[in-house]
C-alpha cells in the first residue's frame, strides 16, 4: 500500500514542506533558518530586555546547530524511547 494513503492529509503537507526545505538547502548549498524562530533571547524570555532573576547570572547563550553539538557521524537525541518530561515546553508556550 502507498504510504501516502495511510497518512493524514496534514502529515502529507508537513512531509511536503520538509522535502521542499531539503531541496532548497541542497540546491542553494545553504543551511535553513526558520523564519518564525529567532535564535536569540526572544526565544528564551518573554521580555529579553528584562530577563528573569534566575537567568541574570547565566552566561550568554551561544546558539549552535546539531552538528556543532554532536561530534559524531551518528548522533542520537533520545535513545530507544522517551518518557514524559524528557522534553518540556517552557512558559513562553510557543
Foldseek 3Di string as FASTA:
>chain_A
DDPVVVDDPVVVVVVVVVVVQVVCCVVVVDDDDDPVDDPACVNPAVDSVDRDPVCPPPDHDDDDDPCVVDVDPDDDDDPPDDDPPSDDDDPVND
